[in-house]
C-alpha atoms as a PDB file:
ATOM      1  CA  TYR A   1     101.051  93.990 111.230  1.00  0.00           C
ATOM      2  CA  ILE A   2     102.397  97.357 110.149  1.00  0.00           C
ATOM      3  CA  PRO A   3      99.291  99.426 111.053  1.00  0.00           C
ATOM      4  CA  GLY A   4      99.320  97.845 114.509  1.00  0.00           C
ATOM      5  CA  LEU A   5     102.984  98.735 114.829  1.00  0.00           C
ATOM      6  CA  TYR A   6     102.242 102.367 113.972  1.00  0.00           C
ATOM      7  CA  VAL A   7      99.384 102.561 116.473  1.00  0.00           C
ATOM      8  CA  SER A   8     101.462 100.877 119.178  1.00  0.00           C
ATOM      9  CA  PHE A   9     104.436 103.149 118.614  1.00  0.00           C
ATOM     10  CA  THR A  10     102.257 106.248 118.648  1.00  0.00           C
ATOM     11  CA  PHE A  11     100.396 105.223 121.766  1.00  0.00           C
ATOM     12  CA  MET A  12     103.384 103.927 123.715  1.00  0.00           C
ATOM     13  CA  SER A  13     105.867 106.688 122.907  1.00  0.00           C
ATOM     14  CA  TYR A  14     104.299 109.900 121.634  1.00  0.00           C
ATOM     15  CA  ILE A  15     101.121 109.941 123.712  1.00  0.00           C
ATOM     16  CA  LYS A  16     102.934 108.695 126.807  1.00  0.00           C
ATOM     17  CA  ARG A  17     105.457 111.544 126.571  1.00  0.00           C
ATOM     18  CA  LYS A  18     102.965 114.307 125.780  1.00  0.00           C
ATOM     19  CA  TYR A  19      99.889 113.274 127.771  1.00  0.00           C
ATOM     20  CA  GLU A  20     101.091 110.983 130.554  1.00  0.00           C
ATOM     21  CA  ALA A  21      98.085 111.460 132.847  1.00  0.00           C
ATOM     22  CA  TRP A  22      95.671 110.618 130.036  1.00  0.00           C
ATOM     23  CA  TRP A  23      97.870 107.665 128.997  1.00  0.00           C
ATOM     24  CA  GLN A  24      97.892 106.265 132.556  1.00  0.00           C
ATOM     25  CA  LYS A  25      94.121 106.485 132.683  1.00  0.00           C
ATOM     26  CA  TYR A  26      93.321 104.904 129.300  1.00  0.00           C
ATOM     27  CA  ASN A  27      96.230 102.544 128.605  1.00  0.00           C
ATOM     28  CA  TYR A  28      94.623  99.458 130.131  1.00  0.00           C
ATOM     29  CA  ILE A  29      91.230 100.324 128.667  1.00  0.00           C
ATOM     30  CA  LEU A  30      92.715 100.416 125.164  1.00  0.00           C
ATOM     31  CA  SER A  31      94.598  97.165 125.722  1.00  0.00           C
ATOM     32  CA  THR A  32      91.511  95.431 127.096  1.00  0.00           C
ATOM     33  CA  GLY A  33      89.375  96.752 124.259  1.00  0.00           C
ATOM     34  CA  LEU A  34      91.771  95.455 121.615  1.00  0.00           C
ATOM     35  CA  ASN A  35      91.999  92.035 123.279  1.00  0.00           C
ATOM     36  CA  ALA A  36      88.224  91.815 123.618  1.00  0.00           C
ATOM     37  CA  GLY A  37      87.834  92.809 119.966  1.00  0.00           C
ATOM     38  CA  ILE A  38      90.103  89.959 118.905  1.00  0.00           C
ATOM     39  CA  ALA A  39      88.194  87.497 121.094  1.00  0.00           C
ATOM     40  CA  PHE A  40      84.762  88.602 119.866  1.00  0.00           C
ATOM     41  CA  SER A  41      85.839  88.648 116.239  1.00  0.00           C
ATOM     42  CA  SER A  42      87.250  85.127 116.523  1.00  0.00           C
ATOM     43  CA  ILE A  43      83.925  83.893 117.900  1.00  0.00           C
ATOM     44  CA  ILE A  44      82.010  85.651 115.122  1.00  0.00           C
ATOM     45  CA  ILE A  45      84.345  84.266 112.459  1.00  0.00           C
ATOM     46  CA  PHE A  46      83.987  80.758 113.908  1.00  0.00           C
ATOM     47  CA  PHE A  47      80.195  80.812 113.779  1.00  0.00           C
ATOM     48  CA  ALA A  48      80.093  82.557 110.401  1.00  0.00           C
ATOM     49  CA  VAL A  49      82.565  80.329 108.576  1.00  0.00           C
ATOM     50  CA  MET A  50      83.502  77.177 110.474  1.00  0.00           C
ATOM     51  CA  TYR A  51      80.402  76.145 112.421  1.00  0.00           C
ATOM     52  CA  HIS A  52      78.333  75.364 109.336  1.00  0.00           C
ATOM     53  CA  ALA A  53      80.736  73.581 107.061  1.00  0.00           C
ATOM     54  CA  LYS A  54      80.625  75.247 103.668  1.00  0.00           C
ATOM     55  CA  ASP A  55      82.853  74.442 100.739  1.00  0.00           C
ATOM     56  CA  ILE A  56      84.575  77.613  99.655  1.00  0.00           C
ATOM     57  CA  ASN A  57      85.977  76.942  96.209  1.00  0.00           C
ATOM     58  CA  TRP A  58      88.332  79.546  94.842  1.00  0.00           C
ATOM     59  CA  TRP A  59      91.766  79.611  93.225  1.00  0.00           C
ATOM     60  CA  GLY A  60      93.660  79.882  96.516  1.00  0.00           C
ATOM     61  CA  ASN A  61      92.129  76.666  97.852  1.00  0.00           C
ATOM     62  CA  THR A  62      92.651  74.499  94.776  1.00  0.00           C
ATOM     63  CA  VAL A  63      96.004  75.687  93.426  1.00  0.00           C
ATOM     64  CA  MET A  64      97.899  73.100  95.464  1.00  0.00           C
ATOM     65  CA  TYR A  65      96.304  70.293  93.420  1.00  0.00           C
ATOM     66  CA  GLU A  66      97.312  71.770  90.050  1.00  0.00           C
ATOM     67  CA  GLY A  67     100.528  71.557  88.052  1.00  0.00           C
ATOM     68  CA  MET A  68     103.602  69.534  88.945  1.00  0.00           C
ATOM     69  CA  ASP A  69     102.986  69.877  92.665  1.00  0.00           C
ATOM     70  CA  GLY A  70      99.520  68.380  92.433  1.00  0.00           C
ATOM     71  CA  SER A  71     100.407  65.517  90.107  1.00  0.00           C
ATOM     72  CA  MET A  72     102.887  64.145  92.671  1.00  0.00           C
ATOM     73  CA  THR A  73     105.353  63.190  89.945  1.00  0.00           C
ATOM     74  CA  GLY A  74     108.709  64.691  89.184  1.00  0.00           C
ATOM     75  CA  TRP A  75     110.375  65.365  85.870  1.00  0.00           C
ATOM     76  CA  LEU A  76     113.584  63.625  86.838  1.00  0.00           C
ATOM     77  CA  ASN A  77     113.978  60.382  88.727  1.00  0.00           C
ATOM     78  CA  ALA A  78     117.445  59.953  90.203  1.00  0.00           C
ATOM     79  CA  THR A  79     116.824  56.348  91.266  1.00  0.00           C
ATOM     80  CA  VAL A  80     116.228  54.979  87.740  1.00  0.00           C
ATOM     81  CA  ASP A  81     119.906  54.948  86.797  1.00  0.00           C
ATOM     82  CA  ALA A  82     121.208  54.240  90.308  1.00  0.00           C
ATOM     83  CA  PRO A  83     122.904  50.845  90.621  1.00  0.00           C
ATOM     84  CA  ASP A  84     121.298  49.792  93.920  1.00  0.00           C
ATOM     85  CA  GLY A  85     117.968  51.533  93.405  1.00  0.00           C
ATOM     86  CA  TYR A  86     118.677  54.517  95.601  1.00  0.00           C
ATOM     87  CA  PHE A  87     120.649  57.739  95.446  1.00  0.00           C
ATOM     88  CA  GLY A  88     123.443  58.411  97.914  1.00  0.00           C
ATOM     89  CA  PRO A  89     126.423  56.702  99.492  1.00  0.00           C
ATOM     90  CA  ARG A  90     126.411  52.926  99.242  1.00  0.00           C
ATOM     91  CA  ILE A  91     126.023  50.736 102.297  1.00  0.00           C
ATOM     92  CA  GLY A  92     129.332  50.519 104.112  1.00  0.00           C
ATOM     93  CA  HIS A  93     130.729  53.635 102.426  1.00  0.00           C
ATOM     94  CA  PHE A  94     129.447  56.264 104.804  1.00  0.00           C
ATOM     95  CA  PRO A  95     131.916  59.024 105.691  1.00  0.00           C
END
């Protein structure tokens, strides 16, 4: 996001102050070009990656199933020693 912020700040402040006639002529062309680039790239990415389902197996996709998070068990169980089988205020003793 930072490079886009730099380009936006430069185009909307510096170029507008120094070259206002040029800015008025090409402002909408730049905006339309950037929006069209995002649209075309999203279509290309869809057909390149999502249209033909491929299994991409790398560390970033499988790390959620490893370690304590992936085993779905905790080290401590607060309900084992609880008298009624749950942790918190007892029924009828709510504040």
